[in-house]
PDB file of N, CA and C in Angstrom:
ATOM      1  N   UNK A   1       0.854  -1.187   0.000  1.00  0.00           N
ATOM      2  CA  UNK A   1       0.000   0.000   0.000  1.00  0.00           C
ATOM      3  C   UNK A   1       0.896   1.246   0.000  1.00  0.00           C
ATOM      4  N   UNK A   2       0.592   2.178  -0.871  1.00  0.00           N
ATOM      5  CA  UNK A   2       1.361   3.418  -0.951  1.00  0.00           C
ATOM      6  C   UNK A   2       1.085   4.316   0.244  1.00  0.00           C
ATOM      7  N   UNK A   3       2.021   5.216   0.527  1.00  0.00           N
ATOM      8  CA  UNK A   3       1.890   6.140   1.656  1.00  0.00           C
ATOM      9  C   UNK A   3       0.594   6.936   1.516  1.00  0.00           C
ATOM     10  N   UNK A   4       0.313   7.426   0.320  1.00  0.00           N
ATOM     11  CA  UNK A   4      -0.888   8.239   0.101  1.00  0.00           C
ATOM     12  C   UNK A   4      -2.160   7.461   0.445  1.00  0.00           C
ATOM     13  N   UNK A   5      -2.189   6.184   0.061  1.00  0.00           N
ATOM     14  CA  UNK A   5      -3.346   5.333   0.372  1.00  0.00           C
ATOM     15  C   UNK A   5      -3.490   5.156   1.878  1.00  0.00           C
ATOM     16  N   UNK A   6      -2.350   4.956   2.563  1.00  0.00           N
ATOM     17  CA  UNK A   6      -2.389   4.788   4.021  1.00  0.00           C
ATOM     18  C   UNK A   6      -2.898   6.063   4.694  1.00  0.00           C
ATOM     19  N   UNK A   7      -2.500   7.215   4.165  1.00  0.00           N
ATOM     20  CA  UNK A   7      -2.943   8.505   4.716  1.00  0.00           C
ATOM     21  C   UNK A   7      -4.446   8.641   4.541  1.00  0.00           C
ATOM     22  N   UNK A   8      -4.942   8.340   3.338  1.00  0.00           N
ATOM     23  CA  UNK A   8      -6.383   8.422   3.067  1.00  0.00           C
ATOM     24  C   UNK A   8      -7.164   7.509   4.008  1.00  0.00           C
ATOM     25  N   UNK A   9      -6.655   6.295   4.208  1.00  0.00           N
ATOM     26  CA  UNK A   9      -7.326   5.341   5.094  1.00  0.00           C
ATOM     27  C   UNK A   9      -7.369   5.870   6.530  1.00  0.00           C
ATOM     28  N   UNK A  10      -6.245   6.407   6.992  1.00  0.00           N
ATOM     29  CA  UNK A  10      -6.176   6.950   8.353  1.00  0.00           C
ATOM     30  C   UNK A  10      -7.120   8.142   8.498  1.00  0.00           C
ATOM     31  N   UNK A  11      -7.157   9.013   7.495  1.00  0.00           N
ATOM     32  CA  UNK A  11      -8.056  10.171   7.556  1.00  0.00           C
ATOM     33  C   UNK A  11      -9.509   9.724   7.580  1.00  0.00           C
ATOM     34  N   UNK A  12      -9.832   8.664   6.866  1.00  0.00           N
ATOM     35  CA  UNK A  12     -11.203   8.149   6.884  1.00  0.00           C
ATOM     36  C   UNK A  12     -11.589   7.651   8.269  1.00  0.00           C
ATOM     37  N   UNK A  13     -10.611   7.178   9.041  1.00  0.00           N
ATOM     38  CA  UNK A  13     -10.873   6.756  10.422  1.00  0.00           C
ATOM     39  C   UNK A  13     -11.064   7.960  11.352  1.00  0.00           C
ATOM     40  N   UNK A  14     -10.442   9.071  11.014  1.00  0.00           N
ATOM     41  CA  UNK A  14     -10.490  10.286  11.829  1.00  0.00           C
ATOM     42  C   UNK A  14     -11.763  11.093  11.547  1.00  0.00           C
ATOM     43  N   UNK A  15     -12.215  11.055  10.298  1.00  0.00           N
ATOM     44  CA  UNK A  15     -13.345  11.899   9.850  1.00  0.00           C
ATOM     45  C   UNK A  15     -14.591  11.862  10.734  1.00  0.00           C
ATOM     46  N   UNK A  16     -15.057  10.682  11.157  1.00  0.00           N
ATOM     47  CA  UNK A  16     -16.298  10.673  11.962  1.00  0.00           C
ATOM     48  C   UNK A  16     -16.227  11.569  13.202  1.00  0.00           C
ATOM     49  N   UNK A  17     -15.080  11.605  13.867  1.00  0.00           N
ATOM     50  CA  UNK A  17     -14.934  12.453  15.059  1.00  0.00           C
ATOM     51  C   UNK A  17     -15.029  13.928  14.683  1.00  0.00           C
ATOM     52  N   UNK A  18     -14.424  14.309  13.566  1.00  0.00           N
ATOM     53  CA  UNK A  18     -14.488  15.702  13.112  1.00  0.00           C
ATOM     54  C   UNK A  18     -15.907  16.059  12.672  1.00  0.00           C
ATOM     55  N   UNK A  19     -16.556  15.137  11.984  1.00  0.00           N
ATOM     56  CA  UNK A  19     -17.899  15.384  11.472  1.00  0.00           C
ATOM     57  C   UNK A  19     -18.930  15.509  12.588  1.00  0.00           C
ATOM     58  N   UNK A  20     -18.679  14.856  13.722  1.00  0.00           N
ATOM     59  CA  UNK A  20     -19.586  14.983  14.867  1.00  0.00           C
ATOM     60  C   UNK A  20     -19.650  16.428  15.351  1.00  0.00           C
ATOM     61  N   UNK A  21     -18.565  17.176  15.145  1.00  0.00           N
ATOM     62  CA  UNK A  21     -18.516  18.582  15.551  1.00  0.00           C
ATOM     63  C   UNK A  21     -18.755  19.528  14.377  1.00  0.00           C
ATOM     64  N   UNK A  22     -19.230  18.981  13.248  1.00  0.00           N
ATOM     65  CA  UNK A  22     -19.557  19.819  12.101  1.00  0.00           C
ATOM     66  C   UNK A  22     -18.373  20.165  11.210  1.00  0.00           C
ATOM     67  N   UNK A  23     -17.279  19.434  11.345  1.00  0.00           N
ATOM     68  CA  UNK A  23     -16.089  19.715  10.544  1.00  0.00           C
ATOM     69  C   UNK A  23     -15.696  18.548   9.678  1.00  0.00           C
ATOM     70  N   UNK A  24     -14.591  18.705   8.995  1.00  0.00           N
ATOM     71  CA  UNK A  24     -14.038  17.638   8.162  1.00  0.00           C
ATOM     72  C   UNK A  24     -12.612  18.012   7.790  1.00  0.00           C
ATOM     73  N   UNK A  25     -11.919  17.085   7.149  1.00  0.00           N
ATOM     74  CA  UNK A  25     -10.548  17.324   6.704  1.00  0.00           C
ATOM     75  C   UNK A  25     -10.410  16.830   5.267  1.00  0.00           C
ATOM     76  N   UNK A  26      -9.714  17.610   4.460  1.00  0.00           N
ATOM     77  CA  UNK A  26      -9.475  17.239   3.068  1.00  0.00           C
ATOM     78  C   UNK A  26      -7.979  17.032   2.871  1.00  0.00           C
ATOM     79  N   UNK A  27      -7.615  15.873   2.336  1.00  0.00           N
ATOM     80  CA  UNK A  27      -6.214  15.566   2.040  1.00  0.00           C
ATOM     81  C   UNK A  27      -5.840  16.242   0.731  1.00  0.00           C
ATOM     82  N   UNK A  28      -4.771  17.035   0.750  1.00  0.00           N
ATOM     83  CA  UNK A  28      -4.332  17.734  -0.453  1.00  0.00           C
ATOM     84  C   UNK A  28      -3.140  17.039  -1.110  1.00  0.00           C
ATOM     85  N   UNK A  29      -2.067  16.813  -0.320  1.00  0.00           N
ATOM     86  CA  UNK A  29      -0.910  16.115  -0.884  1.00  0.00           C
ATOM     87  C   UNK A  29       0.018  15.646   0.222  1.00  0.00           C
ATOM     88  N   UNK A  30       0.922  14.737  -0.175  1.00  0.00           N
ATOM     89  CA  UNK A  30       1.962  14.232   0.712  1.00  0.00           C
ATOM     90  C   UNK A  30       3.296  14.475   0.018  1.00  0.00           C
ATOM     91  N   UNK A  31       4.233  15.080   0.739  1.00  0.00           N
ATOM     92  CA  UNK A  31       5.523  15.421   0.144  1.00  0.00           C
ATOM     93  C   UNK A  31       6.611  15.390   1.212  1.00  0.00           C
ATOM     94  N   UNK A  32       7.616  14.566   1.022  1.00  0.00           N
ATOM     95  CA  UNK A  32       8.781  14.499   1.921  1.00  0.00           C
ATOM     96  C   UNK A  32       8.423  14.410   3.405  1.00  0.00           C
ATOM     97  N   UNK A  33       7.495  13.542   3.747  1.00  0.00           N
ATOM     98  CA  UNK A  33       7.139  13.348   5.150  1.00  0.00           C
ATOM     99  C   UNK A  33       6.094  14.308   5.682  1.00  0.00           C
ATOM    100  N   UNK A  34       5.678  15.276   4.861  1.00  0.00           N
ATOM    101  CA  UNK A  34       4.685  16.262   5.287  1.00  0.00           C
ATOM    102  C   UNK A  34       3.360  16.010   4.579  1.00  0.00           C
ATOM    103  N   UNK A  35       2.292  16.004   5.375  1.00  0.00           N
ATOM    104  CA  UNK A  35       0.941  15.854   4.832  1.00  0.00           C
ATOM    105  C   UNK A  35       0.293  17.236   4.842  1.00  0.00           C
ATOM    106  N   UNK A  36      -0.243  17.623   3.701  1.00  0.00           N
ATOM    107  CA  UNK A  36      -0.926  18.913   3.573  1.00  0.00           C
ATOM    108  C   UNK A  36      -2.419  18.658   3.537  1.00  0.00           C
ATOM    109  N   UNK A  37      -3.147  19.317   4.456  1.00  0.00           N
ATOM    110  CA  UNK A  37      -4.592  19.133   4.545  1.00  0.00           C
ATOM    111  C   UNK A  37      -5.288  20.484   4.609  1.00  0.00           C
ATOM    112  N   UNK A  38      -6.583  20.438   4.388  1.00  0.00           N
ATOM    113  CA  UNK A  38      -7.417  21.625   4.550  1.00  0.00           C
ATOM    114  C   UNK A  38      -8.533  21.234   5.512  1.00  0.00           C
ATOM    115  N   UNK A  39      -8.709  22.028   6.560  1.00  0.00           N
ATOM    116  CA  UNK A  39      -9.790  21.782   7.499  1.00  0.00           C
ATOM    117  C   UNK A  39     -11.050  22.446   6.953  1.00  0.00           C
ATOM    118  N   UNK A  40     -12.149  21.709   6.990  1.00  0.00           N
ATOM    119  CA  UNK A  40     -13.397  22.170   6.389  1.00  0.00           C
ATOM    120  C   UNK A  40     -14.499  22.343   7.433  1.00  0.00           C
ATOM    121  N   UNK A  41     -15.564  23.030   7.041  1.00  0.00           N
ATOM    122  CA  UNK A  41     -16.718  23.197   7.908  1.00  0.00           C
ATOM    123  C   UNK A  41     -16.359  23.933   9.182  1.00  0.00           C
ATOM    124  N   UNK A  42     -16.900  23.447  10.292  1.00  0.00           N
ATOM    125  CA  UNK A  42     -16.667  24.087  11.584  1.00  0.00           C
ATOM    126  C   UNK A  42     -15.187  24.089  11.958  1.00  0.00           C
ATOM    127  N   UNK A  43     -14.437  23.104  11.486  1.00  0.00           N
ATOM    128  CA  UNK A  43     -13.008  23.022  11.809  1.00  0.00           C
ATOM    129  C   UNK A  43     -12.219  24.163  11.168  1.00  0.00           C
ATOM    130  N   UNK A  44     -12.678  24.639  10.019  1.00  0.00           N
ATOM    131  CA  UNK A  44     -11.963  25.685   9.299  1.00  0.00           C
ATOM    132  C   UNK A  44     -11.819  26.974  10.079  1.00  0.00           C
ATOM    133  N   UNK A  45     -12.857  27.371  10.797  1.00  0.00           N
ATOM    134  CA  UNK A  45     -12.812  28.640  11.507  1.00  0.00           C
ATOM    135  C   UNK A  45     -12.716  28.517  13.015  1.00  0.00           C
ATOM    136  N   UNK A  46     -12.542  27.311  13.481  1.00  0.00           N
ATOM    137  CA  UNK A  46     -12.535  27.077  14.929  1.00  0.00           C
ATOM    138  C   UNK A  46     -11.215  27.535  15.552  1.00  0.00           C
ATOM    139  N   UNK A  47     -11.284  28.242  16.693  1.00  0.00           N
ATOM    140  CA  UNK A  47     -10.061  28.666  17.372  1.00  0.00           C
ATOM    141  C   UNK A  47      -9.214  27.484  17.860  1.00  0.00           C
ATOM    142  N   UNK A  48      -9.821  26.327  18.000  1.00  0.00           N
ATOM    143  CA  UNK A  48      -9.100  25.135  18.464  1.00  0.00           C
ATOM    144  C   UNK A  48      -8.531  24.323  17.293  1.00  0.00           C
ATOM    145  N   UNK A  49      -8.649  24.839  16.072  1.00  0.00           N
ATOM    146  CA  UNK A  49      -8.254  24.054  14.895  1.00  0.00           C
ATOM    147  C   UNK A  49      -6.773  23.672  14.914  1.00  0.00           C
ATOM    148  N   UNK A  50      -5.906  24.525  15.426  1.00  0.00           N
ATOM    149  CA  UNK A  50      -4.481  24.198  15.485  1.00  0.00           C
ATOM    150  C   UNK A  50      -4.255  23.012  16.406  1.00  0.00           C
ATOM    151  N   UNK A  51      -4.947  23.007  17.535  1.00  0.00           N
ATOM    152  CA  UNK A  51      -4.826  21.877  18.464  1.00  0.00           C
ATOM    153  C   UNK A  51      -5.388  20.611  17.831  1.00  0.00           C
ATOM    154  N   UNK A  52      -6.526  20.737  17.150  1.00  0.00           N
ATOM    155  CA  UNK A  52      -7.127  19.585  16.470  1.00  0.00           C
ATOM    156  C   UNK A  52      -6.143  19.038  15.449  1.00  0.00           C
ATOM    157  N   UNK A  53      -5.529  19.930  14.702  1.00  0.00           N
ATOM    158  CA  UNK A  53      -4.595  19.529  13.658  1.00  0.00           C
ATOM    159  C   UNK A  53      -3.387  18.810  14.244  1.00  0.00           C
ATOM    160  N   UNK A  54      -2.740  19.407  15.234  1.00  0.00           N
ATOM    161  CA  UNK A  54      -1.493  18.863  15.779  1.00  0.00           C
ATOM    162  C   UNK A  54      -1.709  17.712  16.757  1.00  0.00           C
ATOM    163  N   UNK A  55      -2.657  17.879  17.681  1.00  0.00           N
ATOM    164  CA  UNK A  55      -2.823  16.892  18.752  1.00  0.00           C
ATOM    165  C   UNK A  55      -3.712  15.719  18.369  1.00  0.00           C
ATOM    166  N   UNK A  56      -4.555  15.904  17.364  1.00  0.00           N
ATOM    167  CA  UNK A  56      -5.459  14.812  16.986  1.00  0.00           C
ATOM    168  C   UNK A  56      -5.083  14.245  15.619  1.00  0.00           C
ATOM    169  N   UNK A  57      -5.180  15.058  14.582  1.00  0.00           N
ATOM    170  CA  UNK A  57      -4.936  14.567  13.226  1.00  0.00           C
ATOM    171  C   UNK A  57      -3.485  14.129  13.050  1.00  0.00           C
ATOM    172  N   UNK A  58      -2.534  15.003  13.408  1.00  0.00           N
ATOM    173  CA  UNK A  58      -1.121  14.668  13.223  1.00  0.00           C
ATOM    174  C   UNK A  58      -0.717  13.438  14.030  1.00  0.00           C
ATOM    175  N   UNK A  59      -1.135  13.377  15.284  1.00  0.00           N
ATOM    176  CA  UNK A  59      -0.763  12.238  16.133  1.00  0.00           C
ATOM    177  C   UNK A  59      -1.312  10.929  15.586  1.00  0.00           C
ATOM    178  N   UNK A  60      -2.578  10.952  15.162  1.00  0.00           N
ATOM    179  CA  UNK A  60      -3.191   9.729  14.607  1.00  0.00           C
ATOM    180  C   UNK A  60      -2.491   9.301  13.326  1.00  0.00           C
ATOM    181  N   UNK A  61      -2.182  10.261  12.449  1.00  0.00           N
ATOM    182  CA  UNK A  61      -1.503   9.924  11.201  1.00  0.00           C
ATOM    183  C   UNK A  61      -0.118   9.352  11.465  1.00  0.00           C
ATOM    184  N   UNK A  62       0.602   9.930  12.407  1.00  0.00           N
ATOM    185  CA  UNK A  62       1.942   9.424  12.738  1.00  0.00           C
ATOM    186  C   UNK A  62       1.870   7.985  13.270  1.00  0.00           C
ATOM    187  N   UNK A  63       0.837   7.688  14.059  1.00  0.00           N
ATOM    188  CA  UNK A  63       0.657   6.343  14.598  1.00  0.00           C
ATOM    189  C   UNK A  63       0.389   5.335  13.480  1.00  0.00           C
ATOM    190  N   UNK A  64      -0.493   5.709  12.557  1.00  0.00           N
ATOM    191  CA  UNK A  64      -0.929   4.779  11.524  1.00  0.00           C
ATOM    192  C   UNK A  64      -0.028   4.759  10.292  1.00  0.00           C
ATOM    193  N   UNK A  65       0.693   5.860  10.050  1.00  0.00           N
ATOM    194  CA  UNK A  65       1.553   5.963   8.868  1.00  0.00           C
ATOM    195  C   UNK A  65       2.921   6.482   9.317  1.00  0.00           C
ATOM    196  N   UNK A  66       3.850   5.573   9.600  1.00  0.00           N
ATOM    197  CA  UNK A  66       5.160   5.970  10.143  1.00  0.00           C
ATOM    198  C   UNK A  66       5.945   6.955   9.270  1.00  0.00           C
ATOM    199  N   UNK A  67       5.655   6.987   7.981  1.00  0.00           N
ATOM    200  CA  UNK A  67       6.358   7.900   7.076  1.00  0.00           C
ATOM    201  C   UNK A  67       6.003   9.371   7.319  1.00  0.00           C
ATOM    202  N   UNK A  68       4.877   9.612   7.979  1.00  0.00           N
ATOM    203  CA  UNK A  68       4.420  10.996   8.225  1.00  0.00           C
ATOM    204  C   UNK A  68       5.238  11.623   9.347  1.00  0.00           C
ATOM    205  N   UNK A  69       5.809  12.794   9.057  1.00  0.00           N
ATOM    206  CA  UNK A  69       6.600  13.529  10.047  1.00  0.00           C
ATOM    207  C   UNK A  69       5.820  14.701  10.625  1.00  0.00           C
ATOM    208  N   UNK A  70       4.997  15.350   9.773  1.00  0.00           N
ATOM    209  CA  UNK A  70       4.165  16.447  10.263  1.00  0.00           C
ATOM    210  C   UNK A  70       2.961  16.633   9.357  1.00  0.00           C
ATOM    211  N   UNK A  71       1.959  17.355   9.899  1.00  0.00           N
ATOM    212  CA  UNK A  71       0.746  17.681   9.150  1.00  0.00           C
ATOM    213  C   UNK A  71       0.625  19.194   9.154  1.00  0.00           C
ATOM    214  N   UNK A  72       0.389  19.759   7.965  1.00  0.00           N
ATOM    215  CA  UNK A  72       0.319  21.206   7.799  1.00  0.00           C
ATOM    216  C   UNK A  72      -1.023  21.575   7.183  1.00  0.00           C
ATOM    217  N   UNK A  73      -1.624  22.622   7.734  1.00  0.00           N
ATOM    218  CA  UNK A  73      -2.889  23.115   7.184  1.00  0.00           C
ATOM    219  C   UNK A  73      -2.606  24.153   6.096  1.00  0.00           C
ATOM    220  N   UNK A  74      -3.264  24.004   4.965  1.00  0.00           N
ATOM    221  CA  UNK A  74      -3.089  24.933   3.840  1.00  0.00           C
ATOM    222  C   UNK A  74      -4.281  25.854   3.771  1.00  0.00           C
TER     223      UNK A  74
END
């Protein structure tokens, strides 16, 4: 399985939690250990979005996809 496929699979596992709060995440690209995403819906304008990105999305992706070094919001 390619890194991109593993990232998509991991994000699909994360989505329900984000959607419960009216948000979502869109995978844009993977490059040199960095995953680029866009936070959507309620997550896009939420003051806690940085924490959601780093403490939830990034941590989960690192656990499930060892190649991921960081997650960046575009």
